[in-house]
Amino acid sequence: MNRLNAEWWELFQKHYGMFPGAGLALDEPRFKRAFTEMAELEVGAIANVDEKPMVGHYWLRAPNLAPNDSIRAGIVIAVRQEKQFAAEVHANGIRGAGSSFKSYLLIGIGCSALGPQFLVHALGDADQDRIKPHFLDNTDSDGICRVLTDLRSELDRTLCIVISKSGGKETRNGIIEANGKYDRAGI
């Protein structure tokens, strides 16, 4: 073994950790760096240098972790408003044109739809759900047509929810298509 290979092998052995009971192996410096970067994100570090947002999805579950009082208060207020809105929808205080909501149509791309879809699949029960979920989660025209066709008979009882972090064209296209369907139905 030449000297360079021997040095690399020594470095590898020093930083490589194997945990067979957990089926885990890791490169210790990278592992430590990941925890350091996560701690920086938790206190408001910028994760996406192009868009410049702080990333704090977990602050929604634990507002006390938010990096400042303004963000913390905004989260608490928004969560309270969302819960109130949902309670009013379920109590028929907020209704569709045809009466109580039977379905909802979530329009969102990427993580804006993936999180809600995950929750629906992990926690939902199609036979027990009070309001049936539908998603426009990409720009596939056949998929959009299929979802909107499925909703045709209950469009007047379908709540639309739009979720977008960036306000991109893909979400806008879903809104335009859904709005067109509502307009053509006279709703």
Foldseek 3Di string as FASTA:
>chain_A
DDPVVVVVVVQCVVQWDDDVVVPDIDRNVVVVVVVVVVVVLLQFDQDDVVVRGRDDPVCLVVVVSYNDDVSSVVSVVVVVVVVVVVVCLVVQVDFFQVGRAQAEEEQEEDPQVPVVVVCCVVPNDCVPDSHHYHYDHFQDPVNLVVRLVVCLVPLRRYHYHYDDDPPDPGSVVSVVSNVVSCVVVVD
